[in-house]
C-alpha atoms as a PDB file:
ATOM      1  CA  MET A   1       0.000   0.000   0.000  1.00  0.00           C
ATOM      2  CA  ARG A   2       1.212   3.480  -0.724  1.00  0.00           C
ATOM      3  CA  THR A   3       2.053   5.591   2.287  1.00  0.00           C
ATOM      4  CA  ARG A   4       1.136   9.094   1.307  1.00  0.00           C
ATOM      5  CA  ARG A   5       3.274  11.780   2.802  1.00  0.00           C
ATOM      6  CA  GLY A   6       2.270  15.403   3.247  1.00  0.00           C
ATOM      7  CA  THR A   7       1.560  17.202   0.002  1.00  0.00           C
ATOM      8  CA  GLY A   8       2.431  20.887  -0.026  1.00  0.00           C
ATOM      9  CA  ARG A   9      -0.197  23.489  -0.806  1.00  0.00           C
ATOM     10  CA  LEU A  10       0.556  26.802  -2.390  1.00  0.00           C
ATOM     11  CA  ARG A  11       0.550  29.907  -0.283  1.00  0.00           C
ATOM     12  CA  GLY A  12       1.280  33.582  -0.883  1.00  0.00           C
ATOM     13  CA  TRP A  13       2.538  34.723  -4.270  1.00  0.00           C
ATOM     14  CA  GLY A  14       5.262  37.081  -3.167  1.00  0.00           C
ATOM     15  CA  GLY A  15       5.583  40.825  -3.475  1.00  0.00           C
ATOM     16  CA  VAL A  16       5.173  43.071  -6.469  1.00  0.00           C
ATOM     17  CA  GLY A  17       8.929  42.806  -7.011  1.00  0.00           C
ATOM     18  CA  ALA A  18       8.373  39.245  -8.167  1.00  0.00           C
ATOM     19  CA  MET A  19       6.875  40.616 -11.392  1.00  0.00           C
ATOM     20  CA  GLY A  20      10.209  42.088 -12.348  1.00  0.00           C
ATOM     21  CA  THR A  21      11.830  38.757 -11.662  1.00  0.00           C
ATOM     22  CA  ALA A  22       9.168  37.086 -13.800  1.00  0.00           C
ATOM     23  CA  CYS A  23       9.892  39.306 -16.767  1.00  0.00           C
ATOM     24  CA  ALA A  24      13.641  38.837 -16.432  1.00  0.00           C
ATOM     25  CA  LEU A  25      13.319  35.097 -16.078  1.00  0.00           C
ATOM     26  CA  ALA A  26      10.870  34.785 -18.949  1.00  0.00           C
ATOM     27  CA  GLY A  27      13.208  36.624 -21.252  1.00  0.00           C
ATOM     28  CA  THR A  28      16.238  34.671 -20.101  1.00  0.00           C
ATOM     29  CA  LEU A  29      14.866  31.188 -19.556  1.00  0.00           C
ATOM     30  CA  VAL A  30      12.192  30.605 -22.116  1.00  0.00           C
ATOM     31  CA  LEU A  31      14.699  29.754 -24.837  1.00  0.00           C
ATOM     32  CA  ALA A  32      15.850  26.270 -23.869  1.00  0.00           C
ATOM     33  CA  LEU A  33      18.970  24.959 -25.511  1.00  0.00           C
ATOM     34  CA  PRO A  34      18.380  22.816 -28.577  1.00  0.00           C
ATOM     35  CA  TYR A  35      17.902  19.155 -27.867  1.00  0.00           C
ATOM     36  CA  GLY A  36      21.209  17.341 -27.504  1.00  0.00           C
ATOM     37  CA  LYS A  37      23.303  20.466 -27.047  1.00  0.00           C
ATOM     38  CA  ASP A  38      25.525  20.865 -24.015  1.00  0.00           C
ATOM     39  CA  ASP A  39      24.389  23.687 -21.759  1.00  0.00           C
ATOM     40  CA  GLY A  40      27.873  25.040 -21.392  1.00  0.00           C
ATOM     41  CA  GLY A  41      28.401  23.555 -17.940  1.00  0.00           C
ATOM     42  CA  GLY A  42      30.287  20.554 -19.324  1.00  0.00           C
ATOM     43  CA  ASP A  43      33.708  20.245 -20.803  1.00  0.00           C
ATOM     44  CA  GLY A  44      32.510  19.693 -24.350  1.00  0.00           C
ATOM     45  CA  GLY A  45      34.606  16.526 -24.676  1.00  0.00           C
ATOM     46  CA  ASP A  46      33.610  13.024 -25.721  1.00  0.00           C
ATOM     47  CA  ASP A  47      31.264  11.852 -22.978  1.00  0.00           C
ATOM     48  CA  GLY A  48      30.814   8.422 -24.498  1.00  0.00           C
ATOM     49  CA  VAL A  49      27.075   8.307 -24.012  1.00  0.00           C
ATOM     50  CA  GLY A  50      25.481   6.001 -26.533  1.00  0.00           C
ATOM     51  CA  PRO A  51      22.802   3.422 -27.124  1.00  0.00           C
ATOM     52  CA  GLY A  52      25.002   0.412 -26.350  1.00  0.00           C
ATOM     53  CA  VAL A  53      25.389   0.994 -22.608  1.00  0.00           C
ATOM     54  CA  THR A  54      22.552  -1.028 -21.076  1.00  0.00           C
ATOM     55  CA  VAL A  55      21.638  -4.681 -20.757  1.00  0.00           C
ATOM     56  CA  ALA A  56      18.377  -6.394 -21.682  1.00  0.00           C
ATOM     57  CA  ALA A  57      15.236  -4.862 -20.188  1.00  0.00           C
ATOM     58  CA  PRO A  58      13.491  -6.802 -17.401  1.00  0.00           C
ATOM     59  CA  ALA A  59       9.760  -7.376 -17.113  1.00  0.00           C
ATOM     60  CA  ARG A  60       7.883  -4.490 -15.542  1.00  0.00           C
ATOM     61  CA  ALA A  61       5.689  -4.483 -12.501  1.00  0.00           C
ATOM     62  CA  ASP A  62       2.050  -4.982 -13.285  1.00  0.00           C
ATOM     63  CA  ALA A  63       0.199  -1.931 -14.532  1.00  0.00           C
ATOM     64  CA  ALA A  64      -2.080  -1.718 -11.519  1.00  0.00           C
ATOM     65  CA  ASP A  65       0.736  -0.714  -9.169  1.00  0.00           C
ATOM     66  CA  CYS A  66       3.647   0.336 -11.374  1.00  0.00           C
ATOM     67  CA  ASN A  67       3.602   4.042 -10.607  1.00  0.00           C
ATOM     68  CA  ASP A  68       5.884   4.111  -7.581  1.00  0.00           C
ATOM     69  CA  ARG A  69       7.508   0.688  -7.581  1.00  0.00           C
ATOM     70  CA  SER A  70      11.141   0.476  -8.550  1.00  0.00           C
ATOM     71  CA  LEU A  71      14.137  -1.842  -8.092  1.00  0.00           C
ATOM     72  CA  ARG A  72      15.526  -2.217  -4.591  1.00  0.00           C
ATOM     73  CA  PRO A  73      18.530  -0.011  -3.757  1.00  0.00           C
ATOM     74  CA  SER A  74      22.088  -1.230  -4.175  1.00  0.00           C
ATOM     75  CA  ASP A  75      25.523   0.394  -4.123  1.00  0.00           C
ATOM     76  CA  LYS A  76      27.102  -2.213  -6.409  1.00  0.00           C
ATOM     77  CA  ASP A  77      28.443  -1.295  -9.822  1.00  0.00           C
ATOM     78  CA  GLY A  78      27.139  -3.005 -12.936  1.00  0.00           C
ATOM     79  CA  PRO A  79      27.606  -2.640 -16.704  1.00  0.00           C
ATOM     80  CA  THR A  80      25.868   0.731 -16.975  1.00  0.00           C
ATOM     81  CA  ILE A  81      27.826   2.365 -14.148  1.00  0.00           C
ATOM     82  CA  GLU A  82      31.088   0.794 -15.285  1.00  0.00           C
ATOM     83  CA  ALA A  83      30.547   2.249 -18.753  1.00  0.00           C
ATOM     84  CA  ILE A  84      30.056   5.701 -17.206  1.00  0.00           C
ATOM     85  CA  LYS A  85      33.199   5.341 -15.089  1.00  0.00           C
ATOM     86  CA  ASN A  86      35.265   4.127 -18.044  1.00  0.00           C
ATOM     87  CA  ARG A  87      34.586   7.158 -20.215  1.00  0.00           C
ATOM     88  CA  LYS A  88      37.448   9.323 -21.313  1.00  0.00           C
ATOM     89  CA  VAL A  89      35.763  12.172 -19.492  1.00  0.00           C
ATOM     90  CA  LYS A  90      34.227  10.742 -16.322  1.00  0.00           C
ATOM     91  CA  LYS A  91      31.020  12.700 -16.047  1.00  0.00           C
ATOM     92  CA  LEU A  92      27.394  11.785 -15.527  1.00  0.00           C
ATOM     93  CA  VAL A  93      25.297  13.247 -18.349  1.00  0.00           C
ATOM     94  CA  VAL A  94      21.958  14.462 -17.010  1.00  0.00           C
ATOM     95  CA  GLY A  95      18.999  15.896 -18.898  1.00  0.00           C
ATOM     96  CA  VAL A  96      17.493  18.818 -17.006  1.00  0.00           C
ATOM     97  CA  ASP A  97      15.327  21.876 -17.379  1.00  0.00           C
ATOM     98  CA  GLN A  98      16.717  25.395 -17.371  1.00  0.00           C
ATOM     99  CA  ASN A  99      13.282  27.026 -17.447  1.00  0.00           C
ATOM    100  CA  SER A 100      11.577  25.901 -14.232  1.00  0.00           C
ATOM    101  CA  TYR A 101      12.003  28.450 -11.473  1.00  0.00           C
ATOM    102  CA  GLN A 102      13.385  26.862  -8.287  1.00  0.00           C
ATOM    103  CA  TRP A 103      13.626  23.416  -9.929  1.00  0.00           C
ATOM    104  CA  GLY A 104      16.167  23.865 -12.716  1.00  0.00           C
ATOM    105  CA  TYR A 105      16.919  27.416 -13.878  1.00  0.00           C
ATOM    106  CA  ARG A 106      19.498  30.162 -14.211  1.00  0.00           C
ATOM    107  CA  ASP A 107      19.170  33.206 -12.005  1.00  0.00           C
ATOM    108  CA  PRO A 108      19.883  36.249 -14.216  1.00  0.00           C
ATOM    109  CA  ASN A 109      20.820  38.228 -11.108  1.00  0.00           C
ATOM    110  CA  LYS A 110      23.783  35.963 -10.335  1.00  0.00           C
ATOM    111  CA  LYS A 111      27.133  35.919 -12.058  1.00  0.00           C
ATOM    112  CA  GLY A 112      28.206  32.781 -13.837  1.00  0.00           C
ATOM    113  CA  GLY A 113      24.751  31.663 -14.896  1.00  0.00           C
ATOM    114  CA  GLU A 114      25.095  28.182 -13.428  1.00  0.00           C
ATOM    115  CA  LEU A 115      22.046  25.976 -13.265  1.00  0.00           C
ATOM    116  CA  GLU A 116      20.496  25.693  -9.832  1.00  0.00           C
ATOM    117  CA  GLY A 117      17.359  24.435  -8.118  1.00  0.00           C
ATOM    118  CA  PHE A 118      15.889  21.369  -6.424  1.00  0.00           C
ATOM    119  CA  ASP A 119      16.414  18.999  -9.368  1.00  0.00           C
ATOM    120  CA  ILE A 120      19.921  20.342  -9.947  1.00  0.00           C
ATOM    121  CA  ASP A 121      20.846  19.604  -6.315  1.00  0.00           C
ATOM    122  CA  LEU A 122      19.653  16.021  -6.780  1.00  0.00           C
ATOM    123  CA  ALA A 123      21.701  15.594  -9.968  1.00  0.00           C
ATOM    124  CA  HIS A 124      24.823  16.797  -8.146  1.00  0.00           C
ATOM    125  CA  LYS A 125      24.118  14.338  -5.327  1.00  0.00           C
ATOM    126  CA  ILE A 126      23.819  11.416  -7.747  1.00  0.00           C
ATOM    127  CA  ALA A 127      27.093  12.386  -9.457  1.00  0.00           C
ATOM    128  CA  GLU A 128      28.822  12.629  -6.080  1.00  0.00           C
ATOM    129  CA  GLU A 129      27.676   9.154  -5.038  1.00  0.00           C
ATOM    130  CA  ILE A 130      28.522   7.462  -8.346  1.00  0.00           C
ATOM    131  CA  LEU A 131      31.699   9.296  -9.379  1.00  0.00           C
ATOM    132  CA  GLY A 132      32.896  10.752  -6.071  1.00  0.00           C
ATOM    133  CA  ASP A 133      32.579  14.348  -7.232  1.00  0.00           C
ATOM    134  CA  ARG A 134      29.390  16.399  -7.104  1.00  0.00           C
ATOM    135  CA  ASP A 135      30.653  18.481 -10.009  1.00  0.00           C
ATOM    136  CA  ALA A 136      31.283  15.435 -12.222  1.00  0.00           C
ATOM    137  CA  VAL A 137      28.065  16.097 -14.092  1.00  0.00           C
ATOM    138  CA  LYS A 138      27.353  17.456 -17.551  1.00  0.00           C
ATOM    139  CA  PHE A 139      23.924  19.058 -17.828  1.00  0.00           C
ATOM    140  CA  ARG A 140      21.989  18.988 -21.068  1.00  0.00           C
ATOM    141  CA  ALA A 141      18.890  21.163 -21.278  1.00  0.00           C
ATOM    142  CA  ILE A 142      16.070  19.312 -23.028  1.00  0.00           C
ATOM    143  CA  PRO A 143      12.435  20.236 -23.738  1.00  0.00           C
ATOM    144  CA  THR A 144       9.590  18.405 -22.035  1.00  0.00           C
ATOM    145  CA  ASN A 145       8.648  16.361 -25.095  1.00  0.00           C
ATOM    146  CA  GLN A 146      12.254  15.233 -25.677  1.00  0.00           C
ATOM    147  CA  ARG A 147      12.901  13.704 -22.266  1.00  0.00           C
ATOM    148  CA  ILE A 148      12.222  10.109 -23.288  1.00  0.00           C
ATOM    149  CA  PRO A 149      13.899  10.361 -26.735  1.00  0.00           C
ATOM    150  CA  ALA A 150      16.999  11.829 -25.073  1.00  0.00           C
ATOM    151  CA  ILE A 151      17.265   8.761 -22.843  1.00  0.00           C
ATOM    152  CA  GLN A 152      16.477   6.225 -25.537  1.00  0.00           C
ATOM    153  CA  SER A 153      18.984   7.694 -27.998  1.00  0.00           C
ATOM    154  CA  GLY A 154      21.771   7.801 -25.423  1.00  0.00           C
ATOM    155  CA  GLN A 155      22.028  11.580 -25.370  1.00  0.00           C
ATOM    156  CA  VAL A 156      21.840  11.444 -21.560  1.00  0.00           C
ATOM    157  CA  ASP A 157      22.354   8.869 -18.821  1.00  0.00           C
ATOM    158  CA  MET A 158      19.260  10.030 -16.989  1.00  0.00           C
ATOM    159  CA  VAL A 159      16.684  12.778 -16.782  1.00  0.00           C
ATOM    160  CA  VAL A 160      16.118  14.715 -13.551  1.00  0.00           C
ATOM    161  CA  ARG A 161      13.451  17.117 -14.718  1.00  0.00           C
ATOM    162  CA  THR A 162      10.184  17.129 -12.742  1.00  0.00           C
ATOM    163  CA  MET A 163       9.224  13.984 -14.658  1.00  0.00           C
ATOM    164  CA  THR A 164       6.176  12.102 -13.410  1.00  0.00           C
ATOM    165  CA  VAL A 165       6.348   8.325 -13.132  1.00  0.00           C
ATOM    166  CA  ASN A 166       3.451   6.576 -14.828  1.00  0.00           C
ATOM    167  CA  CYS A 167       2.709   3.239 -16.438  1.00  0.00           C
ATOM    168  CA  ASP A 168       2.816   4.506 -20.028  1.00  0.00           C
ATOM    169  CA  ARG A 169       6.268   6.001 -19.557  1.00  0.00           C
ATOM    170  CA  LEU A 170       7.495   2.820 -17.901  1.00  0.00           C
ATOM    171  CA  LYS A 171       7.052   1.123 -21.255  1.00  0.00           C
ATOM    172  CA  ASP A 172       9.810   3.357 -22.624  1.00  0.00           C
ATOM    173  CA  VAL A 173      12.158   4.127 -19.723  1.00  0.00           C
ATOM    174  CA  ASP A 174      12.995   2.905 -16.237  1.00  0.00           C
ATOM    175  CA  PHE A 175      12.403   5.071 -13.175  1.00  0.00           C
ATOM    176  CA  SER A 176      13.771   5.468  -9.706  1.00  0.00           C
ATOM    177  CA  THR A 177      11.357   5.502  -6.835  1.00  0.00           C
ATOM    178  CA  GLY A 178       9.463   8.773  -6.440  1.00  0.00           C
ATOM    179  CA  TYR A 179      11.333  11.715  -4.951  1.00  0.00           C
ATOM    180  CA  PHE A 180       8.551  14.350  -4.875  1.00  0.00           C
ATOM    181  CA  GLU A 181       4.764  14.226  -4.703  1.00  0.00           C
ATOM    182  CA  THR A 182       2.654  16.629  -6.728  1.00  0.00           C
ATOM    183  CA  GLY A 183      -0.484  16.767  -8.887  1.00  0.00           C
ATOM    184  CA  GLN A 184      -2.008  18.620 -11.817  1.00  0.00           C
ATOM    185  CA  GLN A 185      -3.796  21.896 -11.233  1.00  0.00           C
ATOM    186  CA  VAL A 186      -5.039  24.927 -13.152  1.00  0.00           C
ATOM    187  CA  LEU A 187      -3.073  28.189 -13.044  1.00  0.00           C
ATOM    188  CA  ALA A 188      -4.891  31.367 -14.103  1.00  0.00           C
ATOM    189  CA  PRO A 189      -5.012  35.101 -13.345  1.00  0.00           C
ATOM    190  CA  LYS A 190      -6.498  35.928  -9.962  1.00  0.00           C
ATOM    191  CA  LYS A 191      -9.208  37.999 -11.638  1.00  0.00           C
ATOM    192  CA  SER A 192     -10.227  35.128 -13.922  1.00  0.00           C
ATOM    193  CA  ASP A 193     -13.631  33.463 -13.569  1.00  0.00           C
ATOM    194  CA  ILE A 194     -11.980  30.068 -13.979  1.00  0.00           C
ATOM    195  CA  THR A 195     -12.539  28.061 -10.790  1.00  0.00           C
ATOM    196  CA  GLY A 196     -10.461  24.952 -11.458  1.00  0.00           C
ATOM    197  CA  TYR A 197     -10.363  21.840 -13.600  1.00  0.00           C
ATOM    198  CA  ASP A 198     -14.080  21.980 -14.274  1.00  0.00           C
ATOM    199  CA  GLU A 199     -16.797  23.405 -16.534  1.00  0.00           C
ATOM    200  CA  SER A 200     -15.427  26.913 -16.028  1.00  0.00           C
ATOM    201  CA  LEU A 201     -12.787  26.010 -18.633  1.00  0.00           C
ATOM    202  CA  LYS A 202     -15.406  25.797 -21.401  1.00  0.00           C
ATOM    203  CA  GLY A 203     -14.454  28.075 -24.268  1.00  0.00           C
ATOM    204  CA  LYS A 204     -11.173  29.093 -22.631  1.00  0.00           C
ATOM    205  CA  LYS A 205      -7.751  28.739 -24.229  1.00  0.00           C
ATOM    206  CA  VAL A 206      -5.619  26.435 -22.085  1.00  0.00           C
ATOM    207  CA  CYS A 207      -1.872  25.926 -22.476  1.00  0.00           C
ATOM    208  CA  SER A 208       0.169  22.830 -21.590  1.00  0.00           C
ATOM    209  CA  ALA A 209       3.599  21.457 -22.409  1.00  0.00           C
ATOM    210  CA  ALA A 210       3.790  18.878 -25.179  1.00  0.00           C
ATOM    211  CA  GLY A 211       4.568  15.442 -23.777  1.00  0.00           C
ATOM    212  CA  SER A 212       3.440  16.389 -20.265  1.00  0.00           C
ATOM    213  CA  ILE A 213       0.919  14.726 -17.967  1.00  0.00           C
ATOM    214  CA  ALA A 214      -1.107  17.943 -18.179  1.00  0.00           C
ATOM    215  CA  ALA A 215      -1.446  17.502 -21.941  1.00  0.00           C
ATOM    216  CA  GLU A 216      -2.469  13.863 -21.472  1.00  0.00           C
ATOM    217  CA  GLU A 217      -5.135  14.791 -18.918  1.00  0.00           C
ATOM    218  CA  LEU A 218      -6.527  17.562 -21.113  1.00  0.00           C
ATOM    219  CA  ASP A 219      -6.729  15.144 -24.034  1.00  0.00           C
ATOM    220  CA  LYS A 220      -8.817  12.837 -21.842  1.00  0.00           C
ATOM    221  CA  LYS A 221     -11.131  15.572 -20.597  1.00  0.00           C
ATOM    222  CA  SER A 222     -11.016  19.187 -21.691  1.00  0.00           C
ATOM    223  CA  PHE A 223     -14.374  20.480 -20.375  1.00  0.00           C
ATOM    224  CA  GLY A 224     -14.842  22.170 -23.737  1.00  0.00           C
ATOM    225  CA  ALA A 225     -11.643  24.194 -23.521  1.00  0.00           C
ATOM    226  CA  ASP A 226      -9.456  25.014 -26.523  1.00  0.00           C
ATOM    227  CA  ILE A 227      -6.411  22.853 -25.729  1.00  0.00           C
ATOM    228  CA  SER A 228      -4.548  23.363 -29.000  1.00  0.00           C
ATOM    229  CA  THR A 229      -1.765  25.438 -27.416  1.00  0.00           C
ATOM    230  CA  ARG A 230       1.102  23.035 -26.747  1.00  0.00           C
ATOM    231  CA  VAL A 231       4.592  24.374 -26.102  1.00  0.00           C
ATOM    232  CA  PRO A 232       8.033  22.714 -25.824  1.00  0.00           C
ATOM    233  CA  ASN A 233       8.720  23.963 -22.302  1.00  0.00           C
ATOM    234  CA  GLN A 234       6.275  24.584 -19.514  1.00  0.00           C
ATOM    235  CA  LEU A 235       7.467  28.122 -18.728  1.00  0.00           C
ATOM    236  CA  ASP A 236       6.399  29.109 -22.238  1.00  0.00           C
ATOM    237  CA  CYS A 237       2.827  28.688 -20.989  1.00  0.00           C
ATOM    238  CA  LEU A 238       3.351  31.290 -18.284  1.00  0.00           C
ATOM    239  CA  VAL A 239       4.699  33.739 -20.847  1.00  0.00           C
ATOM    240  CA  ARG A 240       1.677  33.162 -23.078  1.00  0.00           C
ATOM    241  CA  LEU A 241      -0.586  33.668 -20.078  1.00  0.00           C
ATOM    242  CA  GLN A 242       1.169  36.942 -19.279  1.00  0.00           C
ATOM    243  CA  LEU A 243       0.790  38.056 -22.898  1.00  0.00           C
ATOM    244  CA  GLY A 244      -2.924  37.273 -22.861  1.00  0.00           C
ATOM    245  CA  GLU A 245      -2.588  34.613 -25.550  1.00  0.00           C
ATOM    246  CA  VAL A 246      -4.148  31.937 -23.320  1.00  0.00           C
ATOM    247  CA  ASP A 247      -6.581  32.044 -20.408  1.00  0.00           C
ATOM    248  CA  ALA A 248      -5.101  29.337 -18.220  1.00  0.00           C
ATOM    249  CA  VAL A 249      -2.301  26.841 -17.795  1.00  0.00           C
ATOM    250  CA  VAL A 250      -2.501  23.245 -16.602  1.00  0.00           C
ATOM    251  CA  THR A 251       0.671  21.986 -14.957  1.00  0.00           C
ATOM    252  CA  ASP A 252       2.031  20.322 -11.830  1.00  0.00           C
ATOM    253  CA  SER A 253       1.097  22.228  -8.697  1.00  0.00           C
ATOM    254  CA  ALA A 254       4.751  22.128  -7.621  1.00  0.00           C
ATOM    255  CA  LEU A 255       5.890  23.800 -10.843  1.00  0.00           C
ATOM    256  CA  ALA A 256       3.018  26.257 -10.569  1.00  0.00           C
ATOM    257  CA  ALA A 257       4.351  27.284  -7.156  1.00  0.00           C
ATOM    258  CA  GLY A 258       7.465  28.602  -8.841  1.00  0.00           C
ATOM    259  CA  GLN A 259       5.452  30.327 -11.538  1.00  0.00           C
ATOM    260  CA  ALA A 260       3.180  31.985  -9.007  1.00  0.00           C
ATOM    261  CA  ALA A 261       6.292  33.144  -7.137  1.00  0.00           C
ATOM    262  CA  GLN A 262       7.447  34.762 -10.384  1.00  0.00           C
ATOM    263  CA  ASP A 263       4.113  36.443 -11.112  1.00  0.00           C
ATOM    264  CA  PRO A 264       1.919  37.573  -8.198  1.00  0.00           C
ATOM    265  CA  THR A 265      -1.047  38.212 -10.534  1.00  0.00           C
ATOM    266  CA  VAL A 266      -1.717  34.478 -11.006  1.00  0.00           C
ATOM    267  CA  GLU A 267      -2.876  31.742  -8.666  1.00  0.00           C
ATOM    268  CA  LEU A 268      -3.896  28.105  -8.582  1.00  0.00           C
ATOM    269  CA  LYS A 269      -7.575  27.468  -9.168  1.00  0.00           C
ATOM    270  CA  GLY A 270      -9.338  24.701  -7.266  1.00  0.00           C
ATOM    271  CA  LYS A 271      -8.604  23.571  -3.731  1.00  0.00           C
ATOM    272  CA  GLU A 272      -6.747  20.381  -4.599  1.00  0.00           C
ATOM    273  CA  PRO A 273      -4.753  18.915  -7.519  1.00  0.00           C
ATOM    274  CA  PHE A 274      -6.927  16.637  -9.624  1.00  0.00           C
ATOM    275  CA  THR A 275      -4.184  13.975  -9.893  1.00  0.00           C
ATOM    276  CA  THR A 276      -1.602  12.524  -7.515  1.00  0.00           C
ATOM    277  CA  GLU A 277       1.825  11.976  -9.030  1.00  0.00           C
ATOM    278  CA  HIS A 278       5.437  11.350  -8.085  1.00  0.00           C
ATOM    279  CA  TYR A 279       8.476  12.731  -9.840  1.00  0.00           C
ATOM    280  CA  GLY A 280      11.155  10.136 -10.538  1.00  0.00           C
ATOM    281  CA  VAL A 281      14.616   9.969 -12.098  1.00  0.00           C
ATOM    282  CA  ALA A 282      14.234   8.428 -15.569  1.00  0.00           C
ATOM    283  CA  MET A 283      16.876   6.118 -17.090  1.00  0.00           C
ATOM    284  CA  LYS A 284      17.251   3.822 -20.089  1.00  0.00           C
ATOM    285  CA  LYS A 285      15.339   0.561 -20.068  1.00  0.00           C
ATOM    286  CA  GLY A 286      17.368  -2.262 -18.593  1.00  0.00           C
ATOM    287  CA  SER A 287      19.932  -0.116 -16.765  1.00  0.00           C
ATOM    288  CA  ASP A 288      19.176  -2.009 -13.560  1.00  0.00           C
ATOM    289  CA  ASP A 289      22.449  -1.248 -11.783  1.00  0.00           C
ATOM    290  CA  LEU A 290      22.016   2.491 -12.390  1.00  0.00           C
ATOM    291  CA  VAL A 291      18.388   2.415 -11.234  1.00  0.00           C
ATOM    292  CA  ARG A 292      19.383   0.577  -8.051  1.00  0.00           C
ATOM    293  CA  ARG A 293      22.236   2.992  -7.383  1.00  0.00           C
ATOM    294  CA  VAL A 294      19.996   6.026  -7.861  1.00  0.00           C
ATOM    295  CA  ASN A 295      17.494   4.477  -5.452  1.00  0.00           C
ATOM    296  CA  LYS A 296      20.323   4.037  -2.930  1.00  0.00           C
ATOM    297  CA  VAL A 297      21.241   7.696  -3.407  1.00  0.00           C
ATOM    298  CA  LEU A 298      17.610   8.704  -2.832  1.00  0.00           C
ATOM    299  CA  ASP A 299      17.453   6.596   0.337  1.00  0.00           C
ATOM    300  CA  ASP A 300      20.556   8.336   1.664  1.00  0.00           C
ATOM    301  CA  TYR A 301      19.279  11.730   0.519  1.00  0.00           C
ATOM    302  CA  ARG A 302      16.072  11.266   2.514  1.00  0.00           C
ATOM    303  CA  ASP A 303      17.864   9.975   5.596  1.00  0.00           C
ATOM    304  CA  ASP A 304      20.820  12.368   5.807  1.00  0.00           C
ATOM    305  CA  GLY A 305      18.700  15.513   5.608  1.00  0.00           C
ATOM    306  CA  GLY A 306      19.875  16.451   2.116  1.00  0.00           C
ATOM    307  CA  TRP A 307      16.382  16.275   0.627  1.00  0.00           C
ATOM    308  CA  GLN A 308      14.922  18.487   3.346  1.00  0.00           C
ATOM    309  CA  LYS A 309      17.781  20.980   3.121  1.00  0.00           C
ATOM    310  CA  SER A 310      17.285  21.337  -0.632  1.00  0.00           C
ATOM    311  CA  TYR A 311      13.510  21.616  -0.208  1.00  0.00           C
ATOM    312  CA  ASP A 312      13.876  24.330   2.428  1.00  0.00           C
ATOM    313  CA  LYS A 313      16.263  26.273   0.192  1.00  0.00           C
ATOM    314  CA  TRP A 314      14.289  26.155  -3.046  1.00  0.00           C
ATOM    315  CA  LEU A 315      10.668  25.252  -2.497  1.00  0.00           C
ATOM    316  CA  ALA A 316       9.522  25.969   1.062  1.00  0.00           C
ATOM    317  CA  GLY A 317       8.784  29.602   0.260  1.00  0.00           C
ATOM    318  CA  GLY A 318       6.035  28.650  -2.188  1.00  0.00           C
ATOM    319  CA  LEU A 319       4.504  25.628  -0.471  1.00  0.00           C
ATOM    320  CA  SER A 320       2.723  25.330   2.843  1.00  0.00           C
ATOM    321  CA  GLY A 321       2.011  22.378   5.080  1.00  0.00           C
ATOM    322  CA  LYS A 322       4.458  19.669   6.072  1.00  0.00           C
ATOM    323  CA  VAL A 323       6.208  18.458   2.945  1.00  0.00           C
ATOM    324  CA  THR A 324       8.415  15.378   3.051  1.00  0.00           C
ATOM    325  CA  PRO A 325       9.650  12.993   0.376  1.00  0.00           C
ATOM    326  CA  PRO A 326       7.224  10.227  -0.589  1.00  0.00           C
ATOM    327  CA  ALA A 327       7.913   6.866   1.034  1.00  0.00           C
ATOM    328  CA  PRO A 328       9.785   4.599  -1.394  1.00  0.00           C
ATOM    329  CA  GLU A 329       8.124   1.486  -2.776  1.00  0.00           C
ATOM    330  CA  TYR A 330      10.037  -1.348  -4.370  1.00  0.00           C
ATOM    331  CA  ARG A 331       9.271  -4.386  -6.457  1.00  0.00           C
ATOM    332  CA  ASP A 332       9.758  -7.799  -4.874  1.00  0.00           C
END
C-alpha cells in the first residue's frame, strides 16, 4: 500500500517585485537549448554516451501498481555504471530543465549563470555518489517532449526534470522511486472566472507542455476548452498567459508554485490537484544497476537531511504544510 506523505499546498505569491523577476526570467529562460546540445556547464569533450550501454530490459511491474515501484537499492556497480566510469571524461550526463524556477533554472541576477534548483541539487548528489565528485556532471537542457527520446537515444544517462512516473512512460524508460509528490492543477489570473479543472474552462484557451501529464489529462477531458496550445517547455505557458494569448495553464502544482512566485497576478484554481503523481529519475530501459544505485542515493538523501535541506532552500517559500519525500516502494 502506498504511504502518502504530506503534500504541499501553495501559499502567498510574493511581493510586487516578483513581477520584475518574472519578466527577467521569462526573457532569459524561455529559450531552452536545442535538444542534444551541451548547456555550457560541461567540458565539451567526448562523454561516451550512446545506445550500447545497457543490458536487456526486465519485465515491468504490473500496470495496476507500477507508478511508484522500482528496483531495490544497491551500491554495487554493474555494466551501466562501469561504462560511465570508463569514459574518457568521467562525467554523468543528465537531462534537465533550465526554465523551471526553483527546480532547474538560471538566475539572471547571479554571475556565472550556473544551473540551480531542487532537481539540480539532486543531480549533483547522484554524481557525487557514483563518481565521487558532485561536479562530475554534464547538464543537457532538453524540452519536455524530448525527455524520453533523449534517454532512448543515449544523449543522456538520466533525466532529472520534474518527470512524473506513470505506467505509459514505464514502457519506454525505467524510473527510480518517487522523490517528490505533486499533482495537476489549473493556473490562471487571480481575476479570472476560472474556478479549477471543471466546466469553467469551457471556451477558454488552455496551455500545456507537449509530452506532459497535463497535456495527457486535457486530451482525456477538456471540459470544452481550446487545448490546441502546446509548447516545448512549460514556462512558455506562463509567458503566453502573461501576454494574454491563453486564459489558463494546466501543470504540476509544484511547478506552478514557482510560476506563481514569479508572477503575483496568477494563482492556482481549485482547492486540490486533480491527480496525484510522483516525480522520478528516468533512465534507459534495462539499466538495472544504475536504477538501483539512484534508489540508494535517494534513500541516503532522505535519511541524511539532504532532501529536506534542498527543499527548504528552493521550495519551502512557495509551499505550505508539512512536505516530506514520498515513502519509497520497491518491487519484490
